[in-house]
Amino acid sequence: DFTTMQRLVRFARYWDLVANSGRFAHTVKALLGDQPFVNFMAFSDWIYGRTDATHRIALDKLAKLVGEWLVETGMDRGQAAALLASDYAGNVDAKAKTAAQQVAAPARQVRHLAA
């Protein structure tokens, strides 16, 4: 049906952004877990519900969303931040590093870190 096809199209788009891009090489393994299709479909549904978009998602926003998903599905906040940070170890994009820090610290602490 049409709804299922739309879900699969979103799945494919997010797969390109997260898994195929190579930007989340360490994080994607945790994201997929032991049931890759089921887990990534759930992630796709969740991220679409949060953003209502499949395009024009900035890398820093995408990184923050990936981190939030990992925490919401049971990963320790520090571990999620460490995974994201390891993916950005060679990346000079300061916004992406900030996104990893925002996963690591609650919003109140982020304000203090930014000061």
C-alpha atoms as a PDB file:
ATOM      1  CA  ASP A   1       0.000   0.000   0.000  1.00  0.00           C
ATOM      2  CA  PHE A   2       0.963   3.662  -0.344  1.00  0.00           C
ATOM      3  CA  THR A   3       1.782   4.173   3.337  1.00  0.00           C
ATOM      4  CA  THR A   4       4.217   1.268   3.365  1.00  0.00           C
ATOM      5  CA  MET A   5       5.897   2.539   0.205  1.00  0.00           C
ATOM      6  CA  GLN A   6       6.344   5.972   1.780  1.00  0.00           C
ATOM      7  CA  ARG A   7       7.929   4.380   4.851  1.00  0.00           C
ATOM      8  CA  LEU A   8      10.356   2.463   2.628  1.00  0.00           C
ATOM      9  CA  VAL A   9      11.262   5.610   0.699  1.00  0.00           C
ATOM     10  CA  ARG A  10      12.018   7.398   3.985  1.00  0.00           C
ATOM     11  CA  PHE A  11      13.981   4.365   5.197  1.00  0.00           C
ATOM     12  CA  ALA A  12      16.127   4.515   2.039  1.00  0.00           C
ATOM     13  CA  ARG A  13      16.742   8.248   2.387  1.00  0.00           C
ATOM     14  CA  TYR A  14      17.753   8.020   6.035  1.00  0.00           C
ATOM     15  CA  TRP A  15      19.889   4.975   5.228  1.00  0.00           C
ATOM     16  CA  ASP A  16      21.791   7.125   2.735  1.00  0.00           C
ATOM     17  CA  LEU A  17      22.217   9.925   5.266  1.00  0.00           C
ATOM     18  CA  VAL A  18      23.302   7.755   8.181  1.00  0.00           C
ATOM     19  CA  ALA A  19      24.669   4.395   7.031  1.00  0.00           C
ATOM     20  CA  ASN A  20      25.859   4.945   3.457  1.00  0.00           C
ATOM     21  CA  SER A  21      27.389   8.353   4.056  1.00  0.00           C
ATOM     22  CA  GLY A  22      30.176   6.967   6.221  1.00  0.00           C
ATOM     23  CA  ARG A  23      29.695   9.836   8.665  1.00  0.00           C
ATOM     24  CA  PHE A  24      28.428   7.535  11.410  1.00  0.00           C
ATOM     25  CA  ALA A  25      30.763   4.556  10.939  1.00  0.00           C
ATOM     26  CA  HIS A  26      30.972   3.672  14.641  1.00  0.00           C
ATOM     27  CA  THR A  27      27.507   4.791  15.655  1.00  0.00           C
ATOM     28  CA  VAL A  28      25.631   2.911  12.935  1.00  0.00           C
ATOM     29  CA  LYS A  29      26.642  -0.465  14.397  1.00  0.00           C
ATOM     30  CA  ALA A  30      24.938   0.405  17.664  1.00  0.00           C
ATOM     31  CA  LEU A  31      21.979   1.874  15.814  1.00  0.00           C
ATOM     32  CA  LEU A  32      21.405  -1.340  13.854  1.00  0.00           C
ATOM     33  CA  GLY A  33      21.912  -3.743  16.753  1.00  0.00           C
ATOM     34  CA  ASP A  34      20.983  -7.378  16.301  1.00  0.00           C
ATOM     35  CA  GLN A  35      17.947  -6.659  14.086  1.00  0.00           C
ATOM     36  CA  PRO A  36      19.209  -4.166  11.504  1.00  0.00           C
ATOM     37  CA  PHE A  37      16.079  -3.786   9.376  1.00  0.00           C
ATOM     38  CA  VAL A  38      13.647  -3.638  12.282  1.00  0.00           C
ATOM     39  CA  ASN A  39      15.827  -1.219  14.244  1.00  0.00           C
ATOM     40  CA  PHE A  40      16.518   1.085  11.321  1.00  0.00           C
ATOM     41  CA  MET A  41      12.859   1.119  10.283  1.00  0.00           C
ATOM     42  CA  ALA A  42      11.931   2.149  13.824  1.00  0.00           C
ATOM     43  CA  PHE A  43      14.621   4.854  13.694  1.00  0.00           C
ATOM     44  CA  SER A  44      13.309   6.034  10.307  1.00  0.00           C
ATOM     45  CA  ASP A  45       9.759   6.290  11.609  1.00  0.00           C
ATOM     46  CA  TRP A  46      10.964   8.118  14.717  1.00  0.00           C
ATOM     47  CA  ILE A  47      13.183  10.631  12.911  1.00  0.00           C
ATOM     48  CA  TYR A  48      10.448  11.402  10.387  1.00  0.00           C
ATOM     49  CA  GLY A  49       8.021  11.922  13.246  1.00  0.00           C
ATOM     50  CA  ARG A  50      10.465  14.365  14.834  1.00  0.00           C
ATOM     51  CA  THR A  51      11.441  16.289  11.698  1.00  0.00           C
ATOM     52  CA  ASP A  52       8.675  15.729   9.145  1.00  0.00           C
ATOM     53  CA  ALA A  53      11.507  15.873   6.599  1.00  0.00           C
ATOM     54  CA  THR A  54      13.793  13.647   4.594  1.00  0.00           C
ATOM     55  CA  HIS A  55      15.899  16.406   3.047  1.00  0.00           C
ATOM     56  CA  ARG A  56      17.529  19.586   4.297  1.00  0.00           C
ATOM     57  CA  ILE A  57      18.628  17.984   7.558  1.00  0.00           C
ATOM     58  CA  ALA A  58      21.909  19.569   8.590  1.00  0.00           C
ATOM     59  CA  LEU A  59      24.684  17.243   9.717  1.00  0.00           C
ATOM     60  CA  ASP A  60      24.770  18.679  13.232  1.00  0.00           C
ATOM     61  CA  LYS A  61      21.008  18.228  13.591  1.00  0.00           C
ATOM     62  CA  LEU A  62      21.214  14.687  12.209  1.00  0.00           C
ATOM     63  CA  ALA A  63      23.992  13.809  14.665  1.00  0.00           C
ATOM     64  CA  LYS A  64      21.960  15.160  17.556  1.00  0.00           C
ATOM     65  CA  LEU A  65      18.908  13.167  16.439  1.00  0.00           C
ATOM     66  CA  VAL A  66      20.934   9.965  16.114  1.00  0.00           C
ATOM     67  CA  GLY A  67      22.258  10.511  19.635  1.00  0.00           C
ATOM     68  CA  GLU A  68      18.779  11.178  21.005  1.00  0.00           C
ATOM     69  CA  TRP A  69      17.502   7.980  19.380  1.00  0.00           C
ATOM     70  CA  LEU A  70      20.295   5.931  20.938  1.00  0.00           C
ATOM     71  CA  VAL A  71      19.507   7.340  24.379  1.00  0.00           C
ATOM     72  CA  GLU A  72      15.755   6.859  23.941  1.00  0.00           C
ATOM     73  CA  THR A  73      16.311   3.222  23.006  1.00  0.00           C
ATOM     74  CA  GLY A  74      18.324   2.527  26.132  1.00  0.00           C
ATOM     75  CA  MET A  75      21.929   3.491  25.502  1.00  0.00           C
ATOM     76  CA  ASP A  76      23.772   5.369  28.217  1.00  0.00           C
ATOM     77  CA  ARG A  77      24.004   9.076  27.349  1.00  0.00           C
ATOM     78  CA  GLY A  78      27.779   9.087  27.792  1.00  0.00           C
ATOM     79  CA  GLN A  79      28.227   6.054  25.575  1.00  0.00           C
ATOM     80  CA  ALA A  80      26.089   7.614  22.843  1.00  0.00           C
ATOM     81  CA  ALA A  81      28.127  10.812  23.023  1.00  0.00           C
ATOM     82  CA  ALA A  82      31.379   8.839  22.853  1.00  0.00           C
ATOM     83  CA  LEU A  83      30.216   6.994  19.736  1.00  0.00           C
ATOM     84  CA  LEU A  84      29.237  10.222  18.023  1.00  0.00           C
ATOM     85  CA  ALA A  85      32.491  11.870  19.063  1.00  0.00           C
ATOM     86  CA  SER A  86      34.492   8.964  17.626  1.00  0.00           C
ATOM     87  CA  ASP A  87      32.726   9.447  14.314  1.00  0.00           C
ATOM     88  CA  TYR A  88      33.711  13.109  14.302  1.00  0.00           C
ATOM     89  CA  ALA A  89      37.289  12.599  15.496  1.00  0.00           C
ATOM     90  CA  GLY A  90      38.628  13.486  12.066  1.00  0.00           C
ATOM     91  CA  ASN A  91      35.884  15.915  11.165  1.00  0.00           C
ATOM     92  CA  VAL A  92      36.605  19.626  11.504  1.00  0.00           C
ATOM     93  CA  ASP A  93      32.915  20.539  11.584  1.00  0.00           C
ATOM     94  CA  ALA A  94      32.519  22.288  14.937  1.00  0.00           C
ATOM     95  CA  LYS A  95      28.726  22.050  14.754  1.00  0.00           C
ATOM     96  CA  ALA A  96      28.903  18.250  14.567  1.00  0.00           C
ATOM     97  CA  LYS A  97      31.112  18.160  17.658  1.00  0.00           C
ATOM     98  CA  THR A  98      28.646  20.417  19.439  1.00  0.00           C
ATOM     99  CA  ALA A  99      25.842  17.994  18.571  1.00  0.00           C
ATOM    100  CA  ALA A 100      27.801  15.167  20.201  1.00  0.00           C
ATOM    101  CA  GLN A 101      28.292  17.304  23.314  1.00  0.00           C
ATOM    102  CA  GLN A 102      24.575  18.079  23.459  1.00  0.00           C
ATOM    103  CA  VAL A 103      23.810  14.378  23.601  1.00  0.00           C
ATOM    104  CA  ALA A 104      26.337  14.010  26.405  1.00  0.00           C
ATOM    105  CA  ALA A 105      25.004  16.841  28.517  1.00  0.00           C
ATOM    106  CA  PRO A 106      21.474  17.853  29.419  1.00  0.00           C
ATOM    107  CA  ALA A 107      20.299  21.191  28.012  1.00  0.00           C
ATOM    108  CA  ARG A 108      21.068  23.081  31.228  1.00  0.00           C
ATOM    109  CA  GLN A 109      24.689  21.905  31.147  1.00  0.00           C
ATOM    110  CA  VAL A 110      25.033  22.719  27.456  1.00  0.00           C
ATOM    111  CA  ARG A 111      24.378  26.386  28.244  1.00  0.00           C
ATOM    112  CA  HIS A 112      27.271  26.342  30.721  1.00  0.00           C
ATOM    113  CA  LEU A 113      29.565  24.552  28.270  1.00  0.00           C
ATOM    114  CA  ALA A 114      28.806  27.138  25.579  1.00  0.00           C
ATOM    115  CA  ALA A 115      29.681  30.054  27.870  1.00  0.00           C
END
